[in-house]
Amino acid sequence: MLELILEFFTSGGFGAIVGLLGGYLTKREVRKLKELEFKHEQFLVDKDIERDNLYYSHAERVADKQMEYAQIEGQIADDIKSADAFIESIKSQKTHREEHWVLSTIKTLMRPILTCALLWISFSIYVRLEALVGGLESLDPKLMQELFIYVIHAIIFLTITAVAWWFASRGERAVESIRKMFNR
């Protein structure tokens, strides 16, 4: 029986079975090794992708910060230019005012000068007429009454003109003052 067992174990059929089994086991181990190598490569690729994502994310944040920085620098530059332009306009206005202070003074004094001149002329005419006529007592009472009415009308006209002019010079504040006055 030993012969039979030895013959079986040394036969070609058993050799084929052992060879196939060995080939199968070798292929299985190679497949597992390849699978491990693939997982390792996949792990390395995933880590590369993760590293690249971190790098690009960082680069994007840096670029965003640089853009914000540039925008803030631009805003500051615009503000500085606006401030410089404002300062220059103030300086030019000051220079303009200093150059034309004579004209400005004449313009400011024109109304008071004209008013004083007209009052002086009116007073001069009154004094001369009173001297020529001999005073108001020498006039006819009917003419005195007409003259009195004329003077009252002139005073009312001048008062209304002055008040209207003063309120018109004040613009919107005057309109508001009048509205408040009448809406009580």
N, C-alpha and C. Protein backbone atom coordinates (compact mmCIF):
# COMPACT_ATOMS: atom_id res chain seq x y z
N MET A 1 0.80 -1.14 0.00
CA MET A 1 0.00 0.00 0.00
C MET A 1 0.87 1.23 0.00
N LEU A 2 1.92 1.13 0.58
CA LEU A 2 2.85 2.21 0.58
C LEU A 2 3.24 2.51 -0.86
N GLU A 3 3.39 1.47 -1.61
CA GLU A 3 3.71 1.64 -3.02
C GLU A 3 2.60 2.42 -3.72
N LEU A 4 1.43 2.11 -3.41
CA LEU A 4 0.29 2.76 -4.05
C LEU A 4 0.24 4.24 -3.65
N ILE A 5 0.51 4.50 -2.44
CA ILE A 5 0.48 5.88 -1.95
C ILE A 5 1.62 6.64 -2.59
N LEU A 6 2.79 6.03 -2.65
CA LEU A 6 3.92 6.70 -3.27
C LEU A 6 3.68 6.92 -4.75
N GLU A 7 3.11 5.92 -5.37
CA GLU A 7 2.81 6.05 -6.80
C GLU A 7 1.82 7.19 -7.02
N PHE A 8 0.82 7.34 -6.15
CA PHE A 8 -0.18 8.38 -6.29
C PHE A 8 0.49 9.75 -6.10
N PHE A 9 1.33 9.86 -5.04
CA PHE A 9 1.94 11.16 -4.78
C PHE A 9 3.01 11.52 -5.79
N THR A 10 3.54 10.61 -6.48
CA THR A 10 4.55 10.89 -7.50
C THR A 10 3.99 10.87 -8.90
N SER A 11 2.70 10.68 -9.01
CA SER A 11 2.08 10.60 -10.34
C SER A 11 1.97 12.00 -10.95
N GLY A 12 1.78 11.99 -12.24
CA GLY A 12 1.64 13.24 -12.99
C GLY A 12 0.35 13.96 -12.63
N GLY A 13 -0.70 13.23 -12.33
CA GLY A 13 -1.99 13.85 -12.01
C GLY A 13 -1.88 14.64 -10.71
N PHE A 14 -1.21 13.97 -9.72
CA PHE A 14 -1.07 14.65 -8.45
C PHE A 14 -0.14 15.85 -8.62
N GLY A 15 0.87 15.72 -9.43
CA GLY A 15 1.78 16.82 -9.71
C GLY A 15 1.04 17.99 -10.36
N ALA A 16 0.08 17.61 -11.26
CA ALA A 16 -0.70 18.66 -11.91
C ALA A 16 -1.56 19.38 -10.88
N ILE A 17 -2.15 18.59 -9.95
CA ILE A 17 -3.00 19.19 -8.92
C ILE A 17 -2.16 20.10 -8.03
N VAL A 18 -1.00 19.61 -7.61
CA VAL A 18 -0.13 20.43 -6.75
C VAL A 18 0.34 21.66 -7.52
N GLY A 19 0.68 21.50 -8.77
CA GLY A 19 1.12 22.63 -9.59
C GLY A 19 0.02 23.67 -9.75
N LEU A 20 -1.19 23.17 -10.02
CA LEU A 20 -2.31 24.11 -10.16
C LEU A 20 -2.59 24.82 -8.84
N LEU A 21 -2.56 24.02 -7.75
CA LEU A 21 -2.81 24.61 -6.44
C LEU A 21 -1.71 25.63 -6.10
N GLY A 22 -0.49 25.28 -6.37
CA GLY A 22 0.62 26.21 -6.13
C GLY A 22 0.49 27.45 -6.99
N GLY A 23 0.12 27.25 -8.26
CA GLY A 23 -0.07 28.40 -9.16
C GLY A 23 -1.20 29.30 -8.68
N TYR A 24 -2.27 28.61 -8.21
CA TYR A 24 -3.40 29.39 -7.69
C TYR A 24 -2.96 30.19 -6.49
N LEU A 25 -2.25 29.56 -5.55
CA LEU A 25 -1.82 30.26 -4.34
C LEU A 25 -0.84 31.39 -4.68
N THR A 26 0.04 31.18 -5.63
CA THR A 26 0.98 32.21 -6.04
C THR A 26 0.22 33.39 -6.66
N LYS A 27 -0.72 33.06 -7.53
CA LYS A 27 -1.52 34.13 -8.17
C LYS A 27 -2.31 34.91 -7.12
N ARG A 28 -2.84 34.17 -6.14
CA ARG A 28 -3.61 34.84 -5.09
C ARG A 28 -2.71 35.79 -4.31
N GLU A 29 -1.53 35.37 -3.98
CA GLU A 29 -0.60 36.21 -3.23
C GLU A 29 -0.15 37.41 -4.07
N VAL A 30 0.09 37.16 -5.35
CA VAL A 30 0.47 38.26 -6.25
C VAL A 30 -0.67 39.26 -6.36
N ARG A 31 -1.91 38.71 -6.44
CA ARG A 31 -3.08 39.58 -6.54
C ARG A 31 -3.21 40.42 -5.26
N LYS A 32 -3.03 39.79 -4.09
CA LYS A 32 -3.10 40.53 -2.82
C LYS A 32 -1.99 41.58 -2.75
N LEU A 33 -0.81 41.22 -3.19
CA LEU A 33 0.31 42.16 -3.21
C LEU A 33 0.01 43.34 -4.13
N LYS A 34 -0.55 43.04 -5.30
CA LYS A 34 -0.93 44.12 -6.25
C LYS A 34 -2.04 44.99 -5.64
N GLU A 35 -2.95 44.33 -4.94
CA GLU A 35 -4.03 45.08 -4.31
C GLU A 35 -3.45 46.02 -3.26
N LEU A 36 -2.50 45.53 -2.46
CA LEU A 36 -1.85 46.38 -1.47
C LEU A 36 -1.07 47.52 -2.14
N GLU A 37 -0.39 47.18 -3.24
CA GLU A 37 0.34 48.22 -3.98
C GLU A 37 -0.63 49.25 -4.53
N PHE A 38 -1.78 48.81 -5.05
CA PHE A 38 -2.79 49.73 -5.58
C PHE A 38 -3.33 50.63 -4.47
N LYS A 39 -3.62 50.01 -3.29
CA LYS A 39 -4.12 50.81 -2.16
C LYS A 39 -3.06 51.83 -1.73
N HIS A 40 -1.79 51.39 -1.73
CA HIS A 40 -0.71 52.30 -1.37
C HIS A 40 -0.63 53.46 -2.38
N GLU A 41 -0.68 53.12 -3.68
CA GLU A 41 -0.66 54.15 -4.72
C GLU A 41 -1.87 55.08 -4.59
N GLN A 42 -3.03 54.48 -4.33
CA GLN A 42 -4.25 55.28 -4.17
C GLN A 42 -4.09 56.21 -2.97
N PHE A 43 -3.53 55.71 -1.87
CA PHE A 43 -3.28 56.52 -0.68
C PHE A 43 -2.35 57.68 -1.01
N LEU A 44 -1.27 57.39 -1.77
CA LEU A 44 -0.34 58.44 -2.15
C LEU A 44 -1.00 59.48 -3.04
N VAL A 45 -1.83 59.03 -3.99
CA VAL A 45 -2.54 59.95 -4.88
C VAL A 45 -3.51 60.81 -4.07
N ASP A 46 -4.24 60.18 -3.14
CA ASP A 46 -5.16 60.94 -2.29
C ASP A 46 -4.42 62.00 -1.48
N LYS A 47 -3.26 61.62 -0.95
CA LYS A 47 -2.46 62.58 -0.18
C LYS A 47 -1.94 63.70 -1.09
N ASP A 48 -1.56 63.35 -2.32
CA ASP A 48 -1.13 64.38 -3.27
C ASP A 48 -2.27 65.34 -3.58
N ILE A 49 -3.47 64.79 -3.79
CA ILE A 49 -4.64 65.63 -4.08
C ILE A 49 -4.95 66.53 -2.88
N GLU A 50 -4.89 65.93 -1.68
CA GLU A 50 -5.14 66.70 -0.46
C GLU A 50 -4.11 67.82 -0.32
N ARG A 51 -2.84 67.51 -0.56
CA ARG A 51 -1.78 68.50 -0.49
C ARG A 51 -2.01 69.60 -1.53
N ASP A 52 -2.36 69.21 -2.77
CA ASP A 52 -2.62 70.19 -3.82
C ASP A 52 -3.82 71.07 -3.48
N ASN A 53 -4.87 70.44 -2.94
CA ASN A 53 -6.05 71.22 -2.55
C ASN A 53 -5.68 72.24 -1.46
N LEU A 54 -4.89 71.80 -0.48
CA LEU A 54 -4.45 72.73 0.56
C LEU A 54 -3.60 73.85 -0.03
N TYR A 55 -2.73 73.47 -0.93
CA TYR A 55 -1.86 74.47 -1.57
C TYR A 55 -2.69 75.48 -2.35
N TYR A 56 -3.63 74.99 -3.17
CA TYR A 56 -4.44 75.91 -3.98
C TYR A 56 -5.40 76.71 -3.12
N SER A 57 -5.90 76.09 -2.06
CA SER A 57 -6.77 76.82 -1.14
C SER A 57 -5.98 77.95 -0.48
N HIS A 58 -4.77 77.64 -0.05
CA HIS A 58 -3.91 78.65 0.54
C HIS A 58 -3.57 79.75 -0.48
N ALA A 59 -3.23 79.33 -1.68
CA ALA A 59 -2.90 80.29 -2.74
C ALA A 59 -4.11 81.19 -3.04
N GLU A 60 -5.30 80.60 -3.02
CA GLU A 60 -6.52 81.37 -3.28
C GLU A 60 -6.75 82.39 -2.16
N ARG A 61 -6.56 81.95 -0.89
CA ARG A 61 -6.72 82.88 0.23
C ARG A 61 -5.69 84.00 0.16
N VAL A 62 -4.46 83.64 -0.19
CA VAL A 62 -3.42 84.66 -0.32
C VAL A 62 -3.79 85.65 -1.42
N ALA A 63 -4.28 85.13 -2.54
CA ALA A 63 -4.68 86.01 -3.65
C ALA A 63 -5.84 86.91 -3.23
N ASP A 64 -6.81 86.34 -2.48
CA ASP A 64 -7.92 87.15 -1.99
C ASP A 64 -7.43 88.26 -1.07
N LYS A 65 -6.51 87.92 -0.18
CA LYS A 65 -5.97 88.92 0.74
C LYS A 65 -5.19 89.99 -0.03
N GLN A 66 -4.45 89.56 -1.05
CA GLN A 66 -3.71 90.54 -1.85
C GLN A 66 -4.67 91.45 -2.59
N MET A 67 -5.80 90.88 -3.07
CA MET A 67 -6.79 91.70 -3.77
C MET A 67 -7.44 92.68 -2.79
N GLU A 68 -7.77 92.20 -1.58
CA GLU A 68 -8.33 93.10 -0.58
C GLU A 68 -7.34 94.20 -0.24
N TYR A 69 -6.10 93.82 -0.08
CA TYR A 69 -5.04 94.78 0.22
C TYR A 69 -4.93 95.83 -0.88
N ALA A 70 -4.96 95.35 -2.13
CA ALA A 70 -4.88 96.28 -3.27
C ALA A 70 -6.09 97.21 -3.31
N GLN A 71 -7.29 96.66 -3.01
CA GLN A 71 -8.48 97.49 -3.00
C GLN A 71 -8.40 98.55 -1.90
N ILE A 72 -7.92 98.13 -0.72
CA ILE A 72 -7.79 99.08 0.38
C ILE A 72 -6.75 100.15 0.04
N GLU A 73 -5.63 99.72 -0.56
CA GLU A 73 -4.62 100.70 -0.99
C GLU A 73 -5.21 101.68 -2.00
N GLY A 74 -6.00 101.14 -2.95
CA GLY A 74 -6.64 102.01 -3.93
C GLY A 74 -7.60 102.98 -3.28
N GLN A 75 -8.39 102.49 -2.32
CA GLN A 75 -9.33 103.34 -1.59
C GLN A 75 -8.58 104.45 -0.85
N ILE A 76 -7.49 104.05 -0.19
CA ILE A 76 -6.69 105.05 0.54
C ILE A 76 -6.11 106.07 -0.43
N ALA A 77 -5.61 105.59 -1.57
CA ALA A 77 -5.05 106.52 -2.56
C ALA A 77 -6.13 107.47 -3.07
N ASP A 78 -7.36 106.94 -3.32
CA ASP A 78 -8.46 107.81 -3.75
C ASP A 78 -8.80 108.84 -2.68
N ASP A 79 -8.86 108.37 -1.42
CA ASP A 79 -9.16 109.29 -0.32
C ASP A 79 -8.10 110.38 -0.20
N ILE A 80 -6.84 109.98 -0.36
CA ILE A 80 -5.75 110.97 -0.27
C ILE A 80 -5.86 111.97 -1.42
N LYS A 81 -6.15 111.46 -2.64
CA LYS A 81 -6.30 112.37 -3.77
C LYS A 81 -7.48 113.31 -3.57
N SER A 82 -8.60 112.78 -3.04
CA SER A 82 -9.77 113.62 -2.78
C SER A 82 -9.44 114.69 -1.74
N ALA A 83 -8.74 114.27 -0.69
CA ALA A 83 -8.36 115.24 0.35
C ALA A 83 -7.41 116.29 -0.21
N ASP A 84 -6.44 115.86 -1.02
CA ASP A 84 -5.52 116.81 -1.63
C ASP A 84 -6.25 117.78 -2.55
N ALA A 85 -7.21 117.23 -3.34
CA ALA A 85 -7.99 118.10 -4.23
C ALA A 85 -8.82 119.09 -3.42
N PHE A 86 -9.40 118.62 -2.31
CA PHE A 86 -10.18 119.51 -1.45
C PHE A 86 -9.30 120.61 -0.88
N ILE A 87 -8.11 120.23 -0.40
CA ILE A 87 -7.18 121.22 0.15
C ILE A 87 -6.77 122.23 -0.91
N GLU A 88 -6.50 121.73 -2.12
CA GLU A 88 -6.13 122.64 -3.21
C GLU A 88 -7.27 123.59 -3.55
N SER A 89 -8.52 123.07 -3.55
CA SER A 89 -9.65 123.94 -3.86
C SER A 89 -9.82 125.01 -2.78
N ILE A 90 -9.60 124.62 -1.52
CA ILE A 90 -9.68 125.60 -0.44
C ILE A 90 -8.60 126.65 -0.61
N LYS A 91 -7.37 126.20 -0.94
CA LYS A 91 -6.27 127.15 -1.15
C LYS A 91 -6.58 128.09 -2.31
N SER A 92 -7.12 127.53 -3.41
CA SER A 92 -7.41 128.39 -4.56
C SER A 92 -8.53 129.36 -4.25
N GLN A 93 -9.53 128.91 -3.46
CA GLN A 93 -10.60 129.83 -3.08
C GLN A 93 -10.04 130.94 -2.19
N LYS A 94 -9.15 130.54 -1.28
CA LYS A 94 -8.54 131.53 -0.40
C LYS A 94 -7.75 132.55 -1.21
N THR A 95 -6.96 132.04 -2.15
CA THR A 95 -6.18 132.92 -3.02
C THR A 95 -7.11 133.81 -3.85
N HIS A 96 -8.19 133.19 -4.36
CA HIS A 96 -9.15 133.93 -5.17
C HIS A 96 -9.79 135.04 -4.33
N ARG A 97 -10.13 134.70 -3.09
CA ARG A 97 -10.73 135.71 -2.22
C ARG A 97 -9.73 136.80 -1.89
N GLU A 98 -8.49 136.41 -1.64
CA GLU A 98 -7.48 137.41 -1.31
C GLU A 98 -7.21 138.34 -2.49
N GLU A 99 -7.24 137.80 -3.70
CA GLU A 99 -6.99 138.62 -4.89
C GLU A 99 -8.13 139.60 -5.13
N HIS A 100 -9.33 139.24 -4.77
CA HIS A 100 -10.49 140.06 -5.11
C HIS A 100 -11.15 140.65 -3.86
N TRP A 101 -10.38 140.90 -2.82
CA TRP A 101 -10.97 141.45 -1.61
C TRP A 101 -11.49 142.86 -1.84
N VAL A 102 -10.86 143.59 -2.77
CA VAL A 102 -11.33 144.95 -3.08
C VAL A 102 -12.71 144.87 -3.71
N LEU A 103 -12.86 144.00 -4.70
CA LEU A 103 -14.17 143.87 -5.35
C LEU A 103 -15.22 143.37 -4.37
N SER A 104 -14.83 142.44 -3.53
CA SER A 104 -15.76 141.91 -2.54
C SER A 104 -16.18 143.00 -1.55
N THR A 105 -15.24 143.82 -1.15
CA THR A 105 -15.55 144.90 -0.21
C THR A 105 -16.48 145.92 -0.87
N ILE A 106 -16.18 146.27 -2.12
CA ILE A 106 -17.04 147.23 -2.83
C ILE A 106 -18.44 146.66 -2.98
N LYS A 107 -18.54 145.39 -3.34
CA LYS A 107 -19.86 144.75 -3.50
C LYS A 107 -20.62 144.75 -2.17
N THR A 108 -19.92 144.49 -1.08
CA THR A 108 -20.57 144.45 0.23
C THR A 108 -21.03 145.83 0.66
N LEU A 109 -20.26 146.85 0.33
CA LEU A 109 -20.59 148.20 0.78
C LEU A 109 -21.52 148.95 -0.17
N MET A 110 -21.85 148.37 -1.32
CA MET A 110 -22.64 149.09 -2.33
C MET A 110 -24.02 149.48 -1.80
N ARG A 111 -24.74 148.59 -1.17
CA ARG A 111 -26.08 148.93 -0.67
C ARG A 111 -26.03 150.04 0.38
N PRO A 112 -25.17 149.90 1.40
CA PRO A 112 -25.15 150.98 2.40
C PRO A 112 -24.75 152.33 1.80
N ILE A 113 -23.80 152.31 0.85
CA ILE A 113 -23.36 153.58 0.24
C ILE A 113 -24.51 154.20 -0.56
N LEU A 114 -25.18 153.37 -1.38
CA LEU A 114 -26.31 153.90 -2.17
C LEU A 114 -27.43 154.40 -1.26
N THR A 115 -27.70 153.65 -0.19
CA THR A 115 -28.77 154.07 0.73
C THR A 115 -28.43 155.40 1.38
N CYS A 116 -27.22 155.52 1.85
CA CYS A 116 -26.81 156.78 2.48
C CYS A 116 -26.84 157.94 1.48
N ALA A 117 -26.39 157.68 0.26
CA ALA A 117 -26.40 158.74 -0.77
C ALA A 117 -27.82 159.18 -1.07
N LEU A 118 -28.73 158.23 -1.24
CA LEU A 118 -30.12 158.59 -1.54
C LEU A 118 -30.77 159.33 -0.36
N LEU A 119 -30.47 158.90 0.86
CA LEU A 119 -31.01 159.63 2.03
C LEU A 119 -30.47 161.05 2.08
N TRP A 120 -29.21 161.21 1.80
CA TRP A 120 -28.60 162.54 1.80
C TRP A 120 -29.22 163.43 0.72
N ILE A 121 -29.39 162.87 -0.48
CA ILE A 121 -30.00 163.65 -1.57
C ILE A 121 -31.43 164.03 -1.20
N SER A 122 -32.19 163.07 -0.66
CA SER A 122 -33.59 163.37 -0.27
C SER A 122 -33.63 164.47 0.80
N PHE A 123 -32.77 164.36 1.79
CA PHE A 123 -32.73 165.36 2.86
C PHE A 123 -32.32 166.73 2.31
N SER A 124 -31.35 166.74 1.39
CA SER A 124 -30.91 168.01 0.79
C SER A 124 -32.04 168.67 0.02
N ILE A 125 -32.76 167.88 -0.75
CA ILE A 125 -33.89 168.44 -1.51
C ILE A 125 -34.94 169.00 -0.56
N TYR A 126 -35.23 168.27 0.52
CA TYR A 126 -36.21 168.76 1.49
C TYR A 126 -35.79 170.08 2.11
N VAL A 127 -34.54 170.17 2.49
CA VAL A 127 -34.06 171.41 3.14
C VAL A 127 -34.13 172.57 2.16
N ARG A 128 -33.72 172.38 0.92
CA ARG A 128 -33.76 173.47 -0.07
C ARG A 128 -35.20 173.88 -0.39
N LEU A 129 -36.07 172.88 -0.56
CA LEU A 129 -37.46 173.21 -0.85
C LEU A 129 -38.11 173.97 0.31
N GLU A 130 -37.81 173.53 1.52
CA GLU A 130 -38.40 174.22 2.68
C GLU A 130 -37.90 175.67 2.74
N ALA A 131 -36.65 175.88 2.40
CA ALA A 131 -36.10 177.24 2.40
C ALA A 131 -36.75 178.07 1.30
N LEU A 132 -36.94 177.47 0.10
CA LEU A 132 -37.55 178.21 -1.01
C LEU A 132 -39.02 178.53 -0.75
N VAL A 133 -39.74 177.60 -0.18
CA VAL A 133 -41.18 177.77 0.01
C VAL A 133 -41.45 178.61 1.25
N GLY A 134 -40.54 178.61 2.18
CA GLY A 134 -40.77 179.38 3.41
C GLY A 134 -41.34 178.50 4.50
N GLY A 135 -41.15 177.24 4.46
CA GLY A 135 -41.63 176.32 5.50
C GLY A 135 -42.96 175.72 5.13
N LEU A 136 -43.33 174.74 5.89
CA LEU A 136 -44.60 174.06 5.62
C LEU A 136 -45.80 174.94 5.98
N GLU A 137 -45.62 175.90 6.89
CA GLU A 137 -46.74 176.75 7.31
C GLU A 137 -47.22 177.67 6.19
N SER A 138 -46.36 177.95 5.23
CA SER A 138 -46.73 178.87 4.16
C SER A 138 -47.56 178.19 3.07
N LEU A 139 -47.68 176.87 3.10
CA LEU A 139 -48.42 176.15 2.06
C LEU A 139 -49.92 176.17 2.34
N ASP A 140 -50.67 176.01 1.27
CA ASP A 140 -52.12 175.95 1.34
C ASP A 140 -52.55 174.70 2.10
N PRO A 141 -53.54 174.76 3.01
CA PRO A 141 -53.96 173.58 3.77
C PRO A 141 -54.41 172.42 2.88
N LYS A 142 -55.04 172.72 1.75
CA LYS A 142 -55.46 171.65 0.83
C LYS A 142 -54.23 170.95 0.25
N LEU A 143 -53.22 171.74 -0.15
CA LEU A 143 -51.97 171.18 -0.67
C LEU A 143 -51.22 170.41 0.42
N MET A 144 -51.28 170.91 1.66
CA MET A 144 -50.63 170.22 2.79
C MET A 144 -51.26 168.84 3.01
N GLN A 145 -52.58 168.79 2.86
CA GLN A 145 -53.27 167.51 3.04
C GLN A 145 -52.86 166.53 1.93
N GLU A 146 -52.78 167.00 0.69
CA GLU A 146 -52.34 166.13 -0.41
C GLU A 146 -50.90 165.68 -0.22
N LEU A 147 -50.06 166.61 0.22
CA LEU A 147 -48.66 166.28 0.48
C LEU A 147 -48.54 165.25 1.60
N PHE A 148 -49.34 165.40 2.65
CA PHE A 148 -49.34 164.47 3.77
C PHE A 148 -49.73 163.06 3.30
N ILE A 149 -50.77 162.97 2.49
CA ILE A 149 -51.21 161.66 1.94
C ILE A 149 -50.11 161.06 1.06
N TYR A 150 -49.48 161.91 0.25
CA TYR A 150 -48.39 161.43 -0.62
C TYR A 150 -47.22 160.88 0.20
N VAL A 151 -46.84 161.59 1.26
CA VAL A 151 -45.73 161.14 2.12
C VAL A 151 -46.09 159.82 2.80
N ILE A 152 -47.30 159.68 3.28
CA ILE A 152 -47.73 158.43 3.93
C ILE A 152 -47.65 157.28 2.92
N HIS A 153 -48.15 157.49 1.70
CA HIS A 153 -48.07 156.46 0.66
C HIS A 153 -46.61 156.09 0.36
N ALA A 154 -45.75 157.08 0.29
CA ALA A 154 -44.33 156.83 0.01
C ALA A 154 -43.70 156.02 1.14
N ILE A 155 -44.03 156.38 2.39
CA ILE A 155 -43.47 155.65 3.54
C ILE A 155 -43.97 154.21 3.55
N ILE A 156 -45.24 154.00 3.27
CA ILE A 156 -45.80 152.63 3.20
C ILE A 156 -45.12 151.85 2.08
N PHE A 157 -44.97 152.50 0.90
CA PHE A 157 -44.30 151.83 -0.22
C PHE A 157 -42.88 151.41 0.17
N LEU A 158 -42.11 152.34 0.76
CA LEU A 158 -40.74 152.03 1.15
C LEU A 158 -40.68 150.93 2.21
N THR A 159 -41.59 150.95 3.17
CA THR A 159 -41.62 149.93 4.22
C THR A 159 -41.91 148.55 3.62
N ILE A 160 -42.92 148.47 2.77
CA ILE A 160 -43.27 147.19 2.15
C ILE A 160 -42.12 146.69 1.27
N THR A 161 -41.53 147.60 0.51
CA THR A 161 -40.40 147.23 -0.35
C THR A 161 -39.24 146.68 0.48
N ALA A 162 -38.89 147.38 1.55
CA ALA A 162 -37.76 146.95 2.38
C ALA A 162 -38.03 145.60 3.04
N VAL A 163 -39.21 145.45 3.61
CA VAL A 163 -39.54 144.19 4.29
C VAL A 163 -39.57 143.05 3.28
N ALA A 164 -40.20 143.26 2.12
CA ALA A 164 -40.24 142.20 1.10
C ALA A 164 -38.83 141.85 0.63
N TRP A 165 -38.03 142.86 0.46
CA TRP A 165 -36.64 142.62 0.00
C TRP A 165 -35.87 141.82 1.05
N TRP A 166 -36.01 142.20 2.33
CA TRP A 166 -35.30 141.50 3.39
C TRP A 166 -35.73 140.04 3.46
N PHE A 167 -37.04 139.81 3.39
CA PHE A 167 -37.51 138.43 3.45
C PHE A 167 -37.13 137.65 2.20
N ALA A 168 -37.14 138.30 1.05
CA ALA A 168 -36.74 137.61 -0.19
C ALA A 168 -35.26 137.26 -0.15
N SER A 169 -34.46 138.09 0.51
CA SER A 169 -33.03 137.81 0.62
C SER A 169 -32.76 136.60 1.51
N ARG A 170 -33.65 136.32 2.41
CA ARG A 170 -33.45 135.20 3.33
C ARG A 170 -33.82 133.86 2.70
N GLY A 171 -34.53 133.86 1.60
CA GLY A 171 -34.84 132.62 0.89
C GLY A 171 -35.82 131.73 1.62
N GLU A 172 -35.50 130.44 1.67
CA GLU A 172 -36.41 129.44 2.23
C GLU A 172 -36.69 129.67 3.72
N ARG A 173 -35.71 130.18 4.45
CA ARG A 173 -35.94 130.42 5.88
C ARG A 173 -37.06 131.43 6.07
N ALA A 174 -37.11 132.43 5.19
CA ALA A 174 -38.15 133.44 5.30
C ALA A 174 -39.51 132.83 5.02
N VAL A 175 -39.58 131.99 4.00
CA VAL A 175 -40.85 131.34 3.66
C VAL A 175 -41.32 130.49 4.83
N GLU A 176 -40.41 129.74 5.43
CA GLU A 176 -40.76 128.91 6.59
C GLU A 176 -41.21 129.79 7.75
N SER A 177 -40.54 130.92 7.96
CA SER A 177 -40.93 131.81 9.05
C SER A 177 -42.34 132.34 8.83
N ILE A 178 -42.65 132.72 7.58
CA ILE A 178 -43.99 133.23 7.28
C ILE A 178 -45.02 132.13 7.46
N ARG A 179 -44.72 130.93 6.99
CA ARG A 179 -45.67 129.81 7.15
C ARG A 179 -45.95 129.55 8.63
N LYS A 180 -44.89 129.52 9.43
CA LYS A 180 -45.07 129.28 10.86
C LYS A 180 -45.87 130.39 11.49
N MET A 181 -45.63 131.63 11.05
CA MET A 181 -46.32 132.77 11.61
C MET A 181 -47.82 132.67 11.35
N PHE A 182 -48.22 132.24 10.15
CA PHE A 182 -49.64 132.20 9.80
C PHE A 182 -50.31 130.88 10.13
N ASN A 183 -49.57 129.86 10.49
CA ASN A 183 -50.16 128.56 10.79
C ASN A 183 -50.34 128.34 12.30
N ARG A 184 -50.23 129.35 13.05
CA ARG A 184 -50.37 129.19 14.51
C ARG A 184 -51.74 128.81 14.89
